[in-house]
Amino acid sequence: MTLDGDRDGHTYSHDEDYLRLNRQAKRVFDAIAGGGWHGRGRLERKTGDNWASISARLRDFRKAKFGGWLIMRKRSEIPGLFVYRLAGKNQLPPIPEHTEPESPLPGQTRLIP
């Protein structure tokens, strides 16, 4: 399992952020790896970290360089809130980062999301 590594983003600084964010990743992973569904409040209490940081680590876990984990999300019983679960390794091939959409064939239009 690889949770350590440099993070992405324009404001990331290896010297200032590497240890802090990798320790945080371990706390978040340990909190969600216990099985079951976890809401925002529960993850904040278990890790001592704020939700913005926790959700960033959950996004990191999905990336191939941090393990390619499958993090499931579903709506909770409380309207507007979600719960999360670590469901193991993602078995789908990774989606390449920074790829341009294919050009449409002549006579086709490309839908912009």
PDB file of N, CA and C in Angstrom:
ATOM      1  N   MET A   1       0.850  -1.183   0.000  1.00  0.00           N
ATOM      2  CA  MET A   1       0.000   0.000   0.000  1.00  0.00           C
ATOM      3  C   MET A   1       0.887   1.234   0.000  1.00  0.00           C
ATOM      4  N   THR A   2       0.596   2.170  -0.869  1.00  0.00           N
ATOM      5  CA  THR A   2       1.385   3.385  -0.976  1.00  0.00           C
ATOM      6  C   THR A   2       0.498   4.595  -0.718  1.00  0.00           C
ATOM      7  N   LEU A   3       0.615   5.143   0.470  1.00  0.00           N
ATOM      8  CA  LEU A   3      -0.107   6.373   0.776  1.00  0.00           C
ATOM      9  C   LEU A   3       0.837   7.561   0.739  1.00  0.00           C
ATOM     10  N   ASP A   4       2.146   7.293   0.815  1.00  0.00           N
ATOM     11  CA  ASP A   4       3.141   8.361   0.826  1.00  0.00           C
ATOM     12  C   ASP A   4       3.450   8.827  -0.585  1.00  0.00           C
ATOM     13  N   GLY A   5       3.750  10.088  -0.689  1.00  0.00           N
ATOM     14  CA  GLY A   5       4.154  10.652  -1.971  1.00  0.00           C
ATOM     15  C   GLY A   5       3.843  12.129  -2.006  1.00  0.00           C
ATOM     16  N   ASP A   6       4.372  12.773  -3.036  1.00  0.00           N
ATOM     17  CA  ASP A   6       4.084  14.182  -3.226  1.00  0.00           C
ATOM     18  C   ASP A   6       2.650  14.342  -3.711  1.00  0.00           C
ATOM     19  N   ARG A   7       1.984  15.351  -3.200  1.00  0.00           N
ATOM     20  CA  ARG A   7       0.605  15.641  -3.570  1.00  0.00           C
ATOM     21  C   ARG A   7       0.595  16.574  -4.767  1.00  0.00           C
ATOM     22  N   ASP A   8      -0.574  16.689  -5.385  1.00  0.00           N
ATOM     23  CA  ASP A   8      -0.740  17.578  -6.524  1.00  0.00           C
ATOM     24  C   ASP A   8      -1.192  18.947  -6.039  1.00  0.00           C
ATOM     25  N   GLY A   9      -1.114  19.907  -6.902  1.00  0.00           N
ATOM     26  CA  GLY A   9      -1.640  21.233  -6.597  1.00  0.00           C
ATOM     27  C   GLY A   9      -0.587  22.307  -6.676  1.00  0.00           C
ATOM     28  N   HIS A  10      -1.029  23.490  -7.031  1.00  0.00           N
ATOM     29  CA  HIS A  10      -0.120  24.618  -7.212  1.00  0.00           C
ATOM     30  C   HIS A  10       0.490  25.100  -5.901  1.00  0.00           C
ATOM     31  N   THR A  11      -0.201  24.919  -4.788  1.00  0.00           N
ATOM     32  CA  THR A  11       0.299  25.437  -3.518  1.00  0.00           C
ATOM     33  C   THR A  11       1.108  24.409  -2.736  1.00  0.00           C
ATOM     34  N   TYR A  12       1.205  23.172  -3.248  1.00  0.00           N
ATOM     35  CA  TYR A  12       1.944  22.119  -2.545  1.00  0.00           C
ATOM     36  C   TYR A  12       3.437  22.430  -2.559  1.00  0.00           C
ATOM     37  N   SER A  13       4.061  22.293  -1.389  1.00  0.00           N
ATOM     38  CA  SER A  13       5.507  22.447  -1.241  1.00  0.00           C
ATOM     39  C   SER A  13       6.036  21.184  -0.566  1.00  0.00           C
ATOM     40  N   HIS A  14       6.925  20.480  -1.234  1.00  0.00           N
ATOM     41  CA  HIS A  14       7.467  19.243  -0.676  1.00  0.00           C
ATOM     42  C   HIS A  14       8.046  19.482   0.721  1.00  0.00           C
ATOM     43  N   ASP A  15       8.865  20.514   0.860  1.00  0.00           N
ATOM     44  CA  ASP A  15       9.532  20.776   2.141  1.00  0.00           C
ATOM     45  C   ASP A  15       8.543  21.096   3.264  1.00  0.00           C
ATOM     46  N   GLU A  16       7.478  21.809   2.946  1.00  0.00           N
ATOM     47  CA  GLU A  16       6.537  22.231   3.979  1.00  0.00           C
ATOM     48  C   GLU A  16       5.371  21.269   4.188  1.00  0.00           C
ATOM     49  N   ASP A  17       5.014  20.493   3.165  1.00  0.00           N
ATOM     50  CA  ASP A  17       3.766  19.723   3.230  1.00  0.00           C
ATOM     51  C   ASP A  17       3.922  18.206   3.228  1.00  0.00           C
ATOM     52  N   TYR A  18       5.038  17.682   2.761  1.00  0.00           N
ATOM     53  CA  TYR A  18       5.180  16.237   2.557  1.00  0.00           C
ATOM     54  C   TYR A  18       4.862  15.429   3.821  1.00  0.00           C
ATOM     55  N   LEU A  19       5.568  15.675   4.905  1.00  0.00           N
ATOM     56  CA  LEU A  19       5.341  14.900   6.133  1.00  0.00           C
ATOM     57  C   LEU A  19       3.941  15.092   6.686  1.00  0.00           C
ATOM     58  N   ARG A  20       3.487  16.333   6.737  1.00  0.00           N
ATOM     59  CA  ARG A  20       2.172  16.636   7.303  1.00  0.00           C
ATOM     60  C   ARG A  20       1.059  15.935   6.526  1.00  0.00           C
ATOM     61  N   LEU A  21       1.081  16.024   5.206  1.00  0.00           N
ATOM     62  CA  LEU A  21      -0.005  15.433   4.416  1.00  0.00           C
ATOM     63  C   LEU A  21       0.081  13.915   4.361  1.00  0.00           C
ATOM     64  N   ASN A  22       1.269  13.343   4.403  1.00  0.00           N
ATOM     65  CA  ASN A  22       1.375  11.885   4.421  1.00  0.00           C
ATOM     66  C   ASN A  22       0.947  11.310   5.763  1.00  0.00           C
ATOM     67  N   ARG A  23       1.233  12.025   6.851  1.00  0.00           N
ATOM     68  CA  ARG A  23       0.721  11.583   8.159  1.00  0.00           C
ATOM     69  C   ARG A  23      -0.798  11.692   8.200  1.00  0.00           C
ATOM     70  N   GLN A  24      -1.306  12.766   7.636  1.00  0.00           N
ATOM     71  CA  GLN A  24      -2.749  12.952   7.571  1.00  0.00           C
ATOM     72  C   GLN A  24      -3.399  11.845   6.731  1.00  0.00           C
ATOM     73  N   ALA A  25      -2.775  11.477   5.618  1.00  0.00           N
ATOM     74  CA  ALA A  25      -3.313  10.401   4.769  1.00  0.00           C
ATOM     75  C   ALA A  25      -3.401   9.104   5.558  1.00  0.00           C
ATOM     76  N   LYS A  26      -2.399   8.814   6.374  1.00  0.00           N
ATOM     77  CA  LYS A  26      -2.428   7.586   7.172  1.00  0.00           C
ATOM     78  C   LYS A  26      -3.574   7.631   8.181  1.00  0.00           C
ATOM     79  N   ARG A  27      -3.790   8.779   8.828  1.00  0.00           N
ATOM     80  CA  ARG A  27      -4.904   8.901   9.791  1.00  0.00           C
ATOM     81  C   ARG A  27      -6.248   8.673   9.097  1.00  0.00           C
ATOM     82  N   VAL A  28      -6.434   9.295   7.946  1.00  0.00           N
ATOM     83  CA  VAL A  28      -7.701   9.171   7.228  1.00  0.00           C
ATOM     84  C   VAL A  28      -7.893   7.730   6.752  1.00  0.00           C
ATOM     85  N   PHE A  29      -6.833   7.130   6.214  1.00  0.00           N
ATOM     86  CA  PHE A  29      -6.949   5.748   5.744  1.00  0.00           C
ATOM     87  C   PHE A  29      -7.289   4.812   6.904  1.00  0.00           C
ATOM     88  N   ASP A  30      -6.599   4.964   8.025  1.00  0.00           N
ATOM     89  CA  ASP A  30      -6.880   4.117   9.194  1.00  0.00           C
ATOM     90  C   ASP A  30      -8.325   4.282   9.666  1.00  0.00           C
ATOM     91  N   ALA A  31      -8.847   5.507   9.576  1.00  0.00           N
ATOM     92  CA  ALA A  31     -10.213   5.765  10.031  1.00  0.00           C
ATOM     93  C   ALA A  31     -11.249   5.117   9.116  1.00  0.00           C
ATOM     94  N   ILE A  32     -11.005   5.123   7.820  1.00  0.00           N
ATOM     95  CA  ILE A  32     -12.013   4.606   6.884  1.00  0.00           C
ATOM     96  C   ILE A  32     -11.812   3.122   6.593  1.00  0.00           C
ATOM     97  N   ALA A  33     -10.628   2.584   6.880  1.00  0.00           N
ATOM     98  CA  ALA A  33     -10.321   1.188   6.544  1.00  0.00           C
ATOM     99  C   ALA A  33     -10.994   0.189   7.472  1.00  0.00           C
ATOM    100  N   GLY A  34     -11.581   0.640   8.556  1.00  0.00           N
ATOM    101  CA  GLY A  34     -12.202  -0.260   9.503  1.00  0.00           C
ATOM    102  C   GLY A  34     -13.486  -0.907   9.016  1.00  0.00           C
ATOM    103  N   GLY A  35     -13.929  -0.546   7.830  1.00  0.00           N
ATOM    104  CA  GLY A  35     -15.176  -1.089   7.295  1.00  0.00           C
ATOM    105  C   GLY A  35     -16.353  -0.208   7.634  1.00  0.00           C
ATOM    106  N   GLY A  36     -17.444  -0.442   6.978  1.00  0.00           N
ATOM    107  CA  GLY A  36     -18.663   0.315   7.221  1.00  0.00           C
ATOM    108  C   GLY A  36     -18.650   1.669   6.546  1.00  0.00           C
ATOM    109  N   TRP A  37     -19.749   2.368   6.733  1.00  0.00           N
ATOM    110  CA  TRP A  37     -19.927   3.690   6.157  1.00  0.00           C
ATOM    111  C   TRP A  37     -19.560   4.744   7.188  1.00  0.00           C
ATOM    112  N   HIS A  38     -18.931   5.819   6.722  1.00  0.00           N
ATOM    113  CA  HIS A  38     -18.443   6.876   7.609  1.00  0.00           C
ATOM    114  C   HIS A  38     -18.913   8.225   7.091  1.00  0.00           C
ATOM    115  N   GLY A  39     -19.529   8.989   7.978  1.00  0.00           N
ATOM    116  CA  GLY A  39     -19.946  10.338   7.632  1.00  0.00           C
ATOM    117  C   GLY A  39     -18.860  11.338   7.951  1.00  0.00           C
ATOM    118  N   ARG A  40     -19.100  12.548   7.515  1.00  0.00           N
ATOM    119  CA  ARG A  40     -18.150  13.636   7.700  1.00  0.00           C
ATOM    120  C   ARG A  40     -17.763  13.815   9.176  1.00  0.00           C
ATOM    121  N   GLY A  41     -18.752  13.906  10.048  1.00  0.00           N
ATOM    122  CA  GLY A  41     -18.494  14.132  11.469  1.00  0.00           C
ATOM    123  C   GLY A  41     -17.678  13.017  12.092  1.00  0.00           C
ATOM    124  N   ARG A  42     -18.004  11.786  11.763  1.00  0.00           N
ATOM    125  CA  ARG A  42     -17.283  10.642  12.315  1.00  0.00           C
ATOM    126  C   ARG A  42     -15.815  10.661  11.878  1.00  0.00           C
ATOM    127  N   LEU A  43     -15.568  10.958  10.602  1.00  0.00           N
ATOM    128  CA  LEU A  43     -14.188  11.005  10.121  1.00  0.00           C
ATOM    129  C   LEU A  43     -13.417  12.169  10.745  1.00  0.00           C
ATOM    130  N   GLU A  44     -14.087  13.292  10.945  1.00  0.00           N
ATOM    131  CA  GLU A  44     -13.428  14.426  11.607  1.00  0.00           C
ATOM    132  C   GLU A  44     -13.049  14.063  13.047  1.00  0.00           C
ATOM    133  N   ARG A  45     -13.953  13.392  13.757  1.00  0.00           N
ATOM    134  CA  ARG A  45     -13.653  13.005  15.149  1.00  0.00           C
ATOM    135  C   ARG A  45     -12.534  11.965  15.212  1.00  0.00           C
ATOM    136  N   LYS A  46     -12.572  10.975  14.321  1.00  0.00           N
ATOM    137  CA  LYS A  46     -11.578   9.902  14.352  1.00  0.00           C
ATOM    138  C   LYS A  46     -10.180  10.380  13.974  1.00  0.00           C
ATOM    139  N   THR A  47     -10.096  11.379  13.094  1.00  0.00           N
ATOM    140  CA  THR A  47      -8.781  11.819  12.617  1.00  0.00           C
ATOM    141  C   THR A  47      -8.284  13.090  13.298  1.00  0.00           C
ATOM    142  N   GLY A  48      -9.210  13.932  13.763  1.00  0.00           N
ATOM    143  CA  GLY A  48      -8.824  15.238  14.294  1.00  0.00           C
ATOM    144  C   GLY A  48      -8.572  16.257  13.185  1.00  0.00           C
ATOM    145  N   ASP A  49      -8.884  15.896  11.945  1.00  0.00           N
ATOM    146  CA  ASP A  49      -8.669  16.777  10.797  1.00  0.00           C
ATOM    147  C   ASP A  49      -9.999  17.370  10.340  1.00  0.00           C
ATOM    148  N   ASN A  50      -9.920  18.485   9.596  1.00  0.00           N
ATOM    149  CA  ASN A  50     -11.146  19.111   9.099  1.00  0.00           C
ATOM    150  C   ASN A  50     -11.601  18.430   7.809  1.00  0.00           C
ATOM    151  N   TRP A  51     -12.876  18.648   7.464  1.00  0.00           N
ATOM    152  CA  TRP A  51     -13.477  17.943   6.340  1.00  0.00           C
ATOM    153  C   TRP A  51     -12.792  18.255   5.011  1.00  0.00           C
ATOM    154  N   ALA A  52     -12.376  19.483   4.785  1.00  0.00           N
ATOM    155  CA  ALA A  52     -11.717  19.828   3.513  1.00  0.00           C
ATOM    156  C   ALA A  52     -10.458  18.977   3.324  1.00  0.00           C
ATOM    157  N   SER A  53      -9.694  18.794   4.387  1.00  0.00           N
ATOM    158  CA  SER A  53      -8.479  17.978   4.307  1.00  0.00           C
ATOM    159  C   SER A  53      -8.809  16.505   4.118  1.00  0.00           C
ATOM    160  N   ILE A  54      -9.815  16.019   4.838  1.00  0.00           N
ATOM    161  CA  ILE A  54     -10.206  14.604   4.731  1.00  0.00           C
ATOM    162  C   ILE A  54     -10.686  14.299   3.320  1.00  0.00           C
ATOM    163  N   SER A  55     -11.534  15.154   2.761  1.00  0.00           N
ATOM    164  CA  SER A  55     -12.051  14.890   1.424  1.00  0.00           C
ATOM    165  C   SER A  55     -10.931  14.944   0.382  1.00  0.00           C
ATOM    166  N   ALA A  56      -9.932  15.798   0.592  1.00  0.00           N
ATOM    167  CA  ALA A  56      -8.781  15.831  -0.319  1.00  0.00           C
ATOM    168  C   ALA A  56      -8.008  14.516  -0.258  1.00  0.00           C
ATOM    169  N   ARG A  57      -7.837  13.953   0.948  1.00  0.00           N
ATOM    170  CA  ARG A  57      -7.131  12.668   1.068  1.00  0.00           C
ATOM    171  C   ARG A  57      -7.954  11.541   0.435  1.00  0.00           C
ATOM    172  N   LEU A  58      -9.282  11.572   0.587  1.00  0.00           N
ATOM    173  CA  LEU A  58     -10.123  10.552  -0.051  1.00  0.00           C
ATOM    174  C   LEU A  58      -9.957  10.610  -1.566  1.00  0.00           C
ATOM    175  N   ARG A  59      -9.882  11.816  -2.123  1.00  0.00           N
ATOM    176  CA  ARG A  59      -9.645  11.946  -3.569  1.00  0.00           C
ATOM    177  C   ARG A  59      -8.267  11.410  -3.927  1.00  0.00           C
ATOM    178  N   ASP A  60      -7.272  11.669  -3.082  1.00  0.00           N
ATOM    179  CA  ASP A  60      -5.926  11.137  -3.330  1.00  0.00           C
ATOM    180  C   ASP A  60      -5.938   9.614  -3.384  1.00  0.00           C
ATOM    181  N   PHE A  61      -6.652   8.982  -2.456  1.00  0.00           N
ATOM    182  CA  PHE A  61      -6.655   7.509  -2.390  1.00  0.00           C
ATOM    183  C   PHE A  61      -7.140   6.891  -3.700  1.00  0.00           C
ATOM    184  N   ARG A  62      -7.981   7.586  -4.422  1.00  0.00           N
ATOM    185  CA  ARG A  62      -8.506   7.066  -5.693  1.00  0.00           C
ATOM    186  C   ARG A  62      -7.438   7.067  -6.795  1.00  0.00           C
ATOM    187  N   LYS A  63      -6.427   7.909  -6.669  1.00  0.00           N
ATOM    188  CA  LYS A  63      -5.385   8.015  -7.691  1.00  0.00           C
ATOM    189  C   LYS A  63      -4.474   6.791  -7.662  1.00  0.00           C
ATOM    190  N   ALA A  64      -4.017   6.374  -8.848  1.00  0.00           N
ATOM    191  CA  ALA A  64      -3.158   5.196  -8.967  1.00  0.00           C
ATOM    192  C   ALA A  64      -1.897   5.329  -8.121  1.00  0.00           C
ATOM    193  N   LYS A  65      -1.303   6.505  -8.073  1.00  0.00           N
ATOM    194  CA  LYS A  65      -0.038   6.654  -7.334  1.00  0.00           C
ATOM    195  C   LYS A  65      -0.209   6.528  -5.823  1.00  0.00           C
ATOM    196  N   PHE A  66      -1.448   6.589  -5.328  1.00  0.00           N
ATOM    197  CA  PHE A  66      -1.707   6.400  -3.905  1.00  0.00           C
ATOM    198  C   PHE A  66      -2.512   5.127  -3.635  1.00  0.00           C
ATOM    199  N   GLY A  67      -2.488   4.215  -4.576  1.00  0.00           N
ATOM    200  CA  GLY A  67      -3.103   2.918  -4.351  1.00  0.00           C
ATOM    201  C   GLY A  67      -4.286   2.582  -5.235  1.00  0.00           C
ATOM    202  N   GLY A  68      -4.906   3.580  -5.859  1.00  0.00           N
ATOM    203  CA  GLY A  68      -6.055   3.317  -6.719  1.00  0.00           C
ATOM    204  C   GLY A  68      -7.218   2.674  -5.980  1.00  0.00           C
ATOM    205  N   TRP A  69      -7.515   3.176  -4.783  1.00  0.00           N
ATOM    206  CA  TRP A  69      -8.580   2.606  -3.956  1.00  0.00           C
ATOM    207  C   TRP A  69      -9.947   3.007  -4.474  1.00  0.00           C
ATOM    208  N   LEU A  70     -10.917   2.152  -4.238  1.00  0.00           N
ATOM    209  CA  LEU A  70     -12.308   2.444  -4.571  1.00  0.00           C
ATOM    210  C   LEU A  70     -12.969   2.991  -3.304  1.00  0.00           C
ATOM    211  N   ILE A  71     -13.291   4.277  -3.338  1.00  0.00           N
ATOM    212  CA  ILE A  71     -13.975   4.942  -2.227  1.00  0.00           C
ATOM    213  C   ILE A  71     -15.416   5.152  -2.674  1.00  0.00           C
ATOM    214  N   MET A  72     -16.329   4.456  -2.024  1.00  0.00           N
ATOM    215  CA  MET A  72     -17.739   4.571  -2.391  1.00  0.00           C
ATOM    216  C   MET A  72     -18.387   5.709  -1.614  1.00  0.00           C
ATOM    217  N   ARG A  73     -19.398   6.299  -2.235  1.00  0.00           N
ATOM    218  CA  ARG A  73     -20.138   7.397  -1.618  1.00  0.00           C
ATOM    219  C   ARG A  73     -21.612   7.173  -1.860  1.00  0.00           C
ATOM    220  N   LYS A  74     -22.411   7.416  -0.833  1.00  0.00           N
ATOM    221  CA  LYS A  74     -23.864   7.367  -1.002  1.00  0.00           C
ATOM    222  C   LYS A  74     -24.493   8.424  -0.102  1.00  0.00           C
ATOM    223  N   ARG A  75     -25.721   8.760  -0.423  1.00  0.00           N
ATOM    224  CA  ARG A  75     -26.452   9.739   0.388  1.00  0.00           C
ATOM    225  C   ARG A  75     -26.774   9.122   1.744  1.00  0.00           C
ATOM    226  N   SER A  76     -26.639   9.933   2.772  1.00  0.00           N
ATOM    227  CA  SER A  76     -26.987   9.460   4.111  1.00  0.00           C
ATOM    228  C   SER A  76     -28.487   9.651   4.332  1.00  0.00           C
ATOM    229  N   GLU A  77     -28.925   9.264   5.495  1.00  0.00           N
ATOM    230  CA  GLU A  77     -30.333   9.451   5.845  1.00  0.00           C
ATOM    231  C   GLU A  77     -30.653  10.917   6.102  1.00  0.00           C
ATOM    232  N   ILE A  78     -29.617  11.717   6.305  1.00  0.00           N
ATOM    233  CA  ILE A  78     -29.786  13.156   6.531  1.00  0.00           C
ATOM    234  C   ILE A  78     -29.687  13.850   5.168  1.00  0.00           C
ATOM    235  N   PRO A  79     -30.729  14.527   4.734  1.00  0.00           N
ATOM    236  CA  PRO A  79     -30.700  15.167   3.408  1.00  0.00           C
ATOM    237  C   PRO A  79     -29.486  16.078   3.228  1.00  0.00           C
ATOM    238  N   GLY A  80     -28.839  15.946   2.079  1.00  0.00           N
ATOM    239  CA  GLY A  80     -27.705  16.796   1.742  1.00  0.00           C
ATOM    240  C   GLY A  80     -26.361  16.284   2.222  1.00  0.00           C
ATOM    241  N   LEU A  81     -26.335  15.199   2.988  1.00  0.00           N
ATOM    242  CA  LEU A  81     -25.067  14.666   3.486  1.00  0.00           C
ATOM    243  C   LEU A  81     -24.778  13.311   2.857  1.00  0.00           C
ATOM    244  N   PHE A  82     -23.487  12.995   2.774  1.00  0.00           N
ATOM    245  CA  PHE A  82     -23.040  11.735   2.195  1.00  0.00           C
ATOM    246  C   PHE A  82     -22.232  10.949   3.211  1.00  0.00           C
ATOM    247  N   VAL A  83     -22.156   9.637   2.995  1.00  0.00           N
ATOM    248  CA  VAL A  83     -21.289   8.763   3.777  1.00  0.00           C
ATOM    249  C   VAL A  83     -20.345   8.052   2.805  1.00  0.00           C
ATOM    250  N   TYR A  84     -19.204   7.627   3.322  1.00  0.00           N
ATOM    251  CA  TYR A  84     -18.131   7.085   2.493  1.00  0.00           C
ATOM    252  C   TYR A  84     -17.677   5.743   3.046  1.00  0.00           C
ATOM    253  N   ARG A  85     -17.202   4.895   2.124  1.00  0.00           N
ATOM    254  CA  ARG A  85     -16.718   3.571   2.520  1.00  0.00           C
ATOM    255  C   ARG A  85     -15.562   3.173   1.628  1.00  0.00           C
ATOM    256  N   LEU A  86     -14.532   2.597   2.241  1.00  0.00           N
ATOM    257  CA  LEU A  86     -13.418   2.031   1.482  1.00  0.00           C
ATOM    258  C   LEU A  86     -13.852   0.640   1.040  1.00  0.00           C
ATOM    259  N   ALA A  87     -13.885   0.418  -0.270  1.00  0.00           N
ATOM    260  CA  ALA A  87     -14.407  -0.842  -0.794  1.00  0.00           C
ATOM    261  C   ALA A  87     -13.321  -1.696  -1.440  1.00  0.00           C
ATOM    262  N   GLY A  88     -12.069  -1.410  -1.178  1.00  0.00           N
ATOM    263  CA  GLY A  88     -10.980  -2.197  -1.750  1.00  0.00           C
ATOM    264  C   GLY A  88     -10.329  -1.482  -2.914  1.00  0.00           C
ATOM    265  N   LYS A  89      -9.545  -2.248  -3.655  1.00  0.00           N
ATOM    266  CA  LYS A  89      -8.822  -1.690  -4.800  1.00  0.00           C
ATOM    267  C   LYS A  89      -9.759  -1.551  -5.988  1.00  0.00           C
ATOM    268  N   ASN A  90      -9.585  -0.486  -6.729  1.00  0.00           N
ATOM    269  CA  ASN A  90     -10.346  -0.282  -7.949  1.00  0.00           C
ATOM    270  C   ASN A  90      -9.836  -1.250  -9.008  1.00  0.00           C
ATOM    271  N   GLN A  91     -10.702  -2.036  -9.599  1.00  0.00           N
ATOM    272  CA  GLN A  91     -10.307  -3.026 -10.596  1.00  0.00           C
ATOM    273  C   GLN A  91     -10.359  -2.479 -12.019  1.00  0.00           C
ATOM    274  N   LEU A  92     -10.833  -1.261 -12.196  1.00  0.00           N
ATOM    275  CA  LEU A  92     -10.893  -0.668 -13.523  1.00  0.00           C
ATOM    276  C   LEU A  92      -9.545  -0.059 -13.878  1.00  0.00           C
ATOM    277  N   PRO A  93      -9.196  -0.019 -15.150  1.00  0.00           N
ATOM    278  CA  PRO A  93      -7.937   0.632 -15.520  1.00  0.00           C
ATOM    279  C   PRO A  93      -8.000   2.111 -15.173  1.00  0.00           C
ATOM    280  N   PRO A  94      -6.875   2.685 -14.737  1.00  0.00           N
ATOM    281  CA  PRO A  94      -6.892   4.099 -14.350  1.00  0.00           C
ATOM    282  C   PRO A  94      -7.187   5.000 -15.541  1.00  0.00           C
ATOM    283  N   ILE A  95      -7.862   6.079 -15.266  1.00  0.00           N
ATOM    284  CA  ILE A  95      -8.124   7.089 -16.287  1.00  0.00           C
ATOM    285  C   ILE A  95      -6.902   7.987 -16.345  1.00  0.00           C
ATOM    286  N   PRO A  96      -6.318   8.152 -17.534  1.00  0.00           N
ATOM    287  CA  PRO A  96      -5.127   9.006 -17.624  1.00  0.00           C
ATOM    288  C   PRO A  96      -5.455  10.430 -17.210  1.00  0.00           C
ATOM    289  N   GLU A  97      -4.537  11.024 -16.474  1.00  0.00           N
ATOM    290  CA  GLU A  97      -4.717  12.420 -16.080  1.00  0.00           C
ATOM    291  C   GLU A  97      -4.250  13.301 -17.225  1.00  0.00           C
ATOM    292  N   HIS A  98      -4.814  14.454 -17.377  1.00  0.00           N
ATOM    293  CA  HIS A  98      -4.392  15.459 -18.353  1.00  0.00           C
ATOM    294  C   HIS A  98      -4.477  14.948 -19.793  1.00  0.00           C
ATOM    295  N   THR A  99      -5.592  14.380 -20.179  1.00  0.00           N
ATOM    296  CA  THR A  99      -5.777  13.976 -21.569  1.00  0.00           C
ATOM    297  C   THR A  99      -6.819  14.879 -22.213  1.00  0.00           C
ATOM    298  N   GLU A 100      -6.629  15.141 -23.467  1.00  0.00           N
ATOM    299  CA  GLU A 100      -7.572  15.950 -24.217  1.00  0.00           C
ATOM    300  C   GLU A 100      -8.665  15.048 -24.765  1.00  0.00           C
ATOM    301  N   PRO A 101      -9.900  15.512 -24.815  1.00  0.00           N
ATOM    302  CA  PRO A 101     -10.960  14.691 -25.401  1.00  0.00           C
ATOM    303  C   PRO A 101     -10.687  14.471 -26.886  1.00  0.00           C
ATOM    304  N   GLU A 102     -11.128  13.324 -27.375  1.00  0.00           N
ATOM    305  CA  GLU A 102     -10.948  13.024 -28.789  1.00  0.00           C
ATOM    306  C   GLU A 102     -11.761  13.990 -29.628  1.00  0.00           C
ATOM    307  N   SER A 103     -11.223  14.324 -30.803  1.00  0.00           N
ATOM    308  CA  SER A 103     -11.956  15.189 -31.722  1.00  0.00           C
ATOM    309  C   SER A 103     -13.110  14.406 -32.314  1.00  0.00           C
ATOM    310  N   PRO A 104     -14.239  15.061 -32.532  1.00  0.00           N
ATOM    311  CA  PRO A 104     -15.352  14.341 -33.141  1.00  0.00           C
ATOM    312  C   PRO A 104     -15.055  14.005 -34.594  1.00  0.00           C
ATOM    313  N   LEU A 105     -15.692  12.967 -35.071  1.00  0.00           N
ATOM    314  CA  LEU A 105     -15.585  12.619 -36.479  1.00  0.00           C
ATOM    315  C   LEU A 105     -16.343  13.654 -37.292  1.00  0.00           C
ATOM    316  N   PRO A 106     -16.009  13.771 -38.590  1.00  0.00           N
ATOM    317  CA  PRO A 106     -16.761  14.736 -39.411  1.00  0.00           C
ATOM    318  C   PRO A 106     -18.266  14.459 -39.322  1.00  0.00           C
ATOM    319  N   GLY A 107     -19.027  15.499 -39.159  1.00  0.00           N
ATOM    320  CA  GLY A 107     -20.473  15.366 -39.057  1.00  0.00           C
ATOM    321  C   GLY A 107     -20.972  15.124 -37.637  1.00  0.00           C
ATOM    322  N   GLN A 108     -20.054  14.962 -36.672  1.00  0.00           N
ATOM    323  CA  GLN A 108     -20.449  14.761 -35.277  1.00  0.00           C
ATOM    324  C   GLN A 108     -20.160  16.020 -34.492  1.00  0.00           C
ATOM    325  N   THR A 109     -20.898  16.203 -33.434  1.00  0.00           N
ATOM    326  CA  THR A 109     -20.616  17.309 -32.520  1.00  0.00           C
ATOM    327  C   THR A 109     -20.152  16.738 -31.205  1.00  0.00           C
ATOM    328  N   ARG A 110     -19.272  17.432 -30.569  1.00  0.00           N
ATOM    329  CA  ARG A 110     -18.759  17.006 -29.281  1.00  0.00           C
ATOM    330  C   ARG A 110     -19.568  17.680 -28.198  1.00  0.00           C
ATOM    331  N   LEU A 111     -20.056  16.896 -27.255  1.00  0.00           N
ATOM    332  CA  LEU A 111     -20.805  17.444 -26.129  1.00  0.00           C
ATOM    333  C   LEU A 111     -19.821  17.931 -25.085  1.00  0.00           C
ATOM    334  N   ILE A 112     -19.984  19.106 -24.597  1.00  0.00           N
ATOM    335  CA  ILE A 112     -19.141  19.655 -23.552  1.00  0.00           C
ATOM    336  C   ILE A 112     -19.885  19.503 -22.242  1.00  0.00           C
ATOM    337  N   PRO A 113     -19.290  18.767 -21.267  1.00  0.00           N
ATOM    338  CA  PRO A 113     -19.995  18.575 -19.987  1.00  0.00           C
ATOM    339  C   PRO A 113     -20.151  19.869 -19.229  1.00  0.00           C
TER     340      PRO A 113
END
